[in-house]
N, C-alpha and C. Protein backbone atom coordinates (compact mmCIF):
# COMPACT_ATOMS: atom_id res chain seq x y z
N UNK A 1 -45.77 64.46 -45.51
CA UNK A 1 -45.23 63.67 -44.41
C UNK A 1 -45.62 62.19 -44.65
N UNK A 2 -44.63 61.34 -44.76
CA UNK A 2 -44.91 59.92 -44.97
C UNK A 2 -45.02 59.21 -43.63
N UNK A 3 -45.19 57.92 -43.71
CA UNK A 3 -45.39 57.14 -42.47
C UNK A 3 -44.21 57.14 -41.55
N UNK A 4 -42.98 57.14 -42.10
CA UNK A 4 -41.80 57.16 -41.25
C UNK A 4 -41.73 58.46 -40.44
N UNK A 5 -42.06 59.55 -41.07
CA UNK A 5 -42.01 60.83 -40.37
C UNK A 5 -43.06 60.91 -39.28
N UNK A 6 -44.24 60.42 -39.53
CA UNK A 6 -45.28 60.41 -38.52
C UNK A 6 -44.89 59.53 -37.34
N UNK A 7 -44.34 58.37 -37.63
CA UNK A 7 -43.94 57.47 -36.55
C UNK A 7 -42.77 58.05 -35.75
N UNK A 8 -41.85 58.72 -36.42
CA UNK A 8 -40.72 59.33 -35.71
C UNK A 8 -41.21 60.45 -34.84
N UNK A 9 -42.14 61.25 -35.29
CA UNK A 9 -42.69 62.36 -34.48
C UNK A 9 -43.42 61.80 -33.27
N UNK A 10 -44.23 60.76 -33.47
CA UNK A 10 -44.95 60.15 -32.35
C UNK A 10 -43.98 59.58 -31.32
N UNK A 11 -42.91 58.95 -31.81
CA UNK A 11 -41.92 58.40 -30.92
C UNK A 11 -41.26 59.45 -30.07
N UNK A 12 -40.86 60.55 -30.71
CA UNK A 12 -40.20 61.62 -29.97
C UNK A 12 -41.10 62.27 -28.95
N UNK A 13 -42.31 62.56 -29.34
CA UNK A 13 -43.21 63.34 -28.47
C UNK A 13 -43.80 62.46 -27.33
N UNK A 14 -44.43 61.37 -27.68
CA UNK A 14 -45.17 60.59 -26.69
C UNK A 14 -44.22 59.87 -25.75
N UNK A 15 -43.31 59.08 -26.30
CA UNK A 15 -42.43 58.27 -25.44
C UNK A 15 -41.49 59.16 -24.64
N UNK A 16 -40.87 60.09 -25.30
CA UNK A 16 -39.90 60.94 -24.61
C UNK A 16 -40.52 61.85 -23.60
N UNK A 17 -41.61 62.51 -23.93
CA UNK A 17 -42.19 63.51 -23.06
C UNK A 17 -42.98 62.95 -21.91
N UNK A 18 -43.81 62.00 -22.18
CA UNK A 18 -44.72 61.51 -21.14
C UNK A 18 -44.09 60.49 -20.20
N UNK A 19 -43.54 59.41 -20.72
CA UNK A 19 -43.04 58.36 -19.88
C UNK A 19 -41.72 58.81 -19.19
N UNK A 20 -40.78 59.23 -19.96
CA UNK A 20 -39.51 59.58 -19.38
C UNK A 20 -39.59 60.91 -18.62
N UNK A 21 -40.43 61.82 -19.07
CA UNK A 21 -40.63 63.03 -18.32
C UNK A 21 -41.22 62.80 -16.93
N UNK A 22 -42.10 61.84 -16.85
CA UNK A 22 -42.68 61.47 -15.56
C UNK A 22 -41.64 60.85 -14.63
N UNK A 23 -40.75 60.04 -15.20
CA UNK A 23 -39.65 59.48 -14.43
C UNK A 23 -38.73 60.57 -13.89
N UNK A 24 -38.42 61.55 -14.73
CA UNK A 24 -37.54 62.66 -14.29
C UNK A 24 -38.24 63.44 -13.21
N UNK A 25 -39.54 63.70 -13.31
CA UNK A 25 -40.25 64.46 -12.32
C UNK A 25 -40.24 63.75 -10.96
N UNK A 26 -40.39 62.45 -10.95
CA UNK A 26 -40.36 61.66 -9.71
C UNK A 26 -39.00 61.80 -9.07
N UNK A 27 -37.97 61.66 -9.85
CA UNK A 27 -36.60 61.73 -9.30
C UNK A 27 -36.27 63.14 -8.82
N UNK A 28 -36.76 64.16 -9.44
CA UNK A 28 -36.57 65.52 -8.93
C UNK A 28 -37.29 65.68 -7.60
N UNK A 29 -38.53 65.19 -7.53
CA UNK A 29 -39.29 65.32 -6.30
C UNK A 29 -38.67 64.58 -5.12
N UNK A 30 -38.09 63.42 -5.40
CA UNK A 30 -37.52 62.62 -4.34
C UNK A 30 -35.99 62.79 -4.23
N UNK A 31 -35.46 63.74 -4.97
CA UNK A 31 -34.05 64.13 -4.89
C UNK A 31 -33.07 62.97 -5.15
N UNK A 32 -33.36 62.22 -6.22
CA UNK A 32 -32.45 61.16 -6.64
C UNK A 32 -31.77 61.67 -7.90
N UNK A 33 -30.51 62.20 -7.72
CA UNK A 33 -29.80 62.78 -8.85
C UNK A 33 -29.43 61.71 -9.89
N UNK A 34 -28.98 60.56 -9.47
CA UNK A 34 -28.55 59.51 -10.41
C UNK A 34 -29.71 59.04 -11.24
N UNK A 35 -30.86 58.83 -10.62
CA UNK A 35 -32.03 58.40 -11.37
C UNK A 35 -32.50 59.40 -12.35
N UNK A 36 -32.45 60.67 -12.00
CA UNK A 36 -32.77 61.74 -12.91
C UNK A 36 -31.85 61.75 -14.11
N UNK A 37 -30.57 61.56 -13.90
CA UNK A 37 -29.64 61.59 -15.01
C UNK A 37 -29.83 60.36 -15.92
N UNK A 38 -30.14 59.19 -15.35
CA UNK A 38 -30.46 58.02 -16.19
C UNK A 38 -31.71 58.31 -17.08
N UNK A 39 -32.75 58.86 -16.48
CA UNK A 39 -33.96 59.20 -17.21
C UNK A 39 -33.68 60.24 -18.29
N UNK A 40 -32.90 61.23 -18.00
CA UNK A 40 -32.52 62.24 -18.94
C UNK A 40 -31.73 61.63 -20.12
N UNK A 41 -30.80 60.74 -19.80
CA UNK A 41 -30.05 60.04 -20.83
C UNK A 41 -30.98 59.24 -21.72
N UNK A 42 -31.95 58.55 -21.13
CA UNK A 42 -32.90 57.80 -21.89
C UNK A 42 -33.76 58.69 -22.82
N UNK A 43 -34.09 59.88 -22.34
CA UNK A 43 -34.87 60.81 -23.15
C UNK A 43 -34.05 61.27 -24.37
N UNK A 44 -32.77 61.52 -24.18
CA UNK A 44 -31.91 61.95 -25.27
C UNK A 44 -31.74 60.81 -26.28
N UNK A 45 -31.59 59.57 -25.80
CA UNK A 45 -31.43 58.44 -26.70
C UNK A 45 -32.68 58.18 -27.47
N UNK A 46 -33.86 58.29 -26.85
CA UNK A 46 -35.10 58.10 -27.55
C UNK A 46 -35.32 59.20 -28.60
N UNK A 47 -34.94 60.41 -28.24
CA UNK A 47 -35.02 61.50 -29.21
C UNK A 47 -34.15 61.21 -30.41
N UNK A 48 -32.98 60.68 -30.21
CA UNK A 48 -32.11 60.32 -31.32
C UNK A 48 -32.68 59.16 -32.10
N UNK A 49 -33.38 58.22 -31.43
CA UNK A 49 -34.00 57.10 -32.14
C UNK A 49 -35.06 57.57 -33.10
N UNK A 50 -35.70 58.68 -32.80
CA UNK A 50 -36.67 59.20 -33.71
C UNK A 50 -36.01 59.59 -35.06
N UNK A 51 -34.81 60.12 -34.99
CA UNK A 51 -34.08 60.46 -36.23
C UNK A 51 -33.62 59.20 -36.97
N UNK A 52 -33.35 58.13 -36.23
CA UNK A 52 -32.96 56.88 -36.88
C UNK A 52 -34.14 56.32 -37.66
N UNK A 53 -35.34 56.50 -37.17
CA UNK A 53 -36.54 56.09 -37.88
C UNK A 53 -36.74 57.00 -39.10
N UNK A 54 -36.56 58.27 -38.89
CA UNK A 54 -36.75 59.25 -39.95
C UNK A 54 -35.84 59.01 -41.15
N UNK A 55 -34.56 58.63 -40.84
CA UNK A 55 -33.60 58.39 -41.92
C UNK A 55 -33.50 56.91 -42.30
N UNK A 56 -34.45 56.12 -41.86
CA UNK A 56 -34.55 54.68 -42.23
C UNK A 56 -33.31 53.89 -41.90
N UNK A 57 -32.93 53.91 -40.65
CA UNK A 57 -31.79 53.14 -40.13
C UNK A 57 -32.28 52.16 -39.08
N UNK A 58 -32.80 50.98 -39.48
CA UNK A 58 -33.44 50.10 -38.50
C UNK A 58 -32.45 49.49 -37.48
N UNK A 59 -31.24 49.22 -37.86
CA UNK A 59 -30.27 48.62 -36.91
C UNK A 59 -29.89 49.63 -35.85
N UNK A 60 -29.70 50.88 -36.27
CA UNK A 60 -29.38 51.93 -35.30
C UNK A 60 -30.55 52.19 -34.37
N UNK A 61 -31.77 52.12 -34.95
CA UNK A 61 -32.97 52.30 -34.13
C UNK A 61 -33.08 51.23 -33.06
N UNK A 62 -32.83 49.99 -33.45
CA UNK A 62 -32.88 48.90 -32.47
C UNK A 62 -31.83 49.03 -31.35
N UNK A 63 -30.66 49.44 -31.76
CA UNK A 63 -29.58 49.67 -30.80
C UNK A 63 -29.94 50.78 -29.83
N UNK A 64 -30.47 51.87 -30.35
CA UNK A 64 -30.82 53.00 -29.50
C UNK A 64 -31.99 52.61 -28.56
N UNK A 65 -32.92 51.85 -29.03
CA UNK A 65 -34.02 51.40 -28.11
C UNK A 65 -33.47 50.47 -27.02
N UNK A 66 -32.48 49.64 -27.38
CA UNK A 66 -31.89 48.78 -26.34
C UNK A 66 -31.18 49.65 -25.31
N UNK A 67 -30.47 50.64 -25.73
CA UNK A 67 -29.77 51.54 -24.79
C UNK A 67 -30.79 52.28 -23.93
N UNK A 68 -31.84 52.81 -24.54
CA UNK A 68 -32.90 53.50 -23.79
C UNK A 68 -33.58 52.61 -22.76
N UNK A 69 -33.82 51.39 -23.13
CA UNK A 69 -34.44 50.44 -22.21
C UNK A 69 -33.55 50.21 -21.02
N UNK A 70 -32.26 50.05 -21.26
CA UNK A 70 -31.35 49.81 -20.13
C UNK A 70 -31.24 51.04 -19.23
N UNK A 71 -31.27 52.25 -19.81
CA UNK A 71 -31.21 53.47 -19.00
C UNK A 71 -32.50 53.66 -18.17
N UNK A 72 -33.64 53.29 -18.77
CA UNK A 72 -34.91 53.40 -18.02
C UNK A 72 -34.91 52.34 -16.89
N UNK A 73 -34.41 51.18 -17.16
CA UNK A 73 -34.29 50.14 -16.12
C UNK A 73 -33.41 50.61 -14.99
N UNK A 74 -32.30 51.27 -15.30
CA UNK A 74 -31.41 51.76 -14.24
C UNK A 74 -32.10 52.86 -13.44
N UNK A 75 -32.89 53.68 -14.14
CA UNK A 75 -33.59 54.76 -13.46
C UNK A 75 -34.64 54.19 -12.48
N UNK A 76 -35.36 53.15 -12.92
CA UNK A 76 -36.35 52.55 -12.05
C UNK A 76 -35.69 51.84 -10.90
N UNK A 77 -34.54 51.22 -11.10
CA UNK A 77 -33.81 50.59 -9.98
C UNK A 77 -33.42 51.62 -8.95
N UNK A 78 -32.96 52.78 -9.40
CA UNK A 78 -32.59 53.83 -8.44
C UNK A 78 -33.83 54.28 -7.68
N UNK A 79 -34.96 54.34 -8.36
CA UNK A 79 -36.23 54.76 -7.71
C UNK A 79 -36.69 53.77 -6.68
N UNK A 80 -36.55 52.48 -6.97
CA UNK A 80 -37.01 51.46 -6.02
C UNK A 80 -36.12 51.34 -4.81
N UNK A 81 -34.84 51.55 -4.96
CA UNK A 81 -33.92 51.44 -3.86
C UNK A 81 -34.10 52.52 -2.89
């Protein structure tokens, strides 16, 4: 396993499971369906970003992180409102 594979694995597990999983749990508890779906979309995008790192596609990785950031922002906005 080289450095790209280790980084991709860490990206998929830590970022996807802990941060976005916590956002999804809060939205389930407070019954915000839209916020949950934004957080779920962000989790899927970050999961795909791990593969972009694995296959050495830096532009795709940056684009996917930008999309994930906007979905997380939308999820937080739903939570705050």
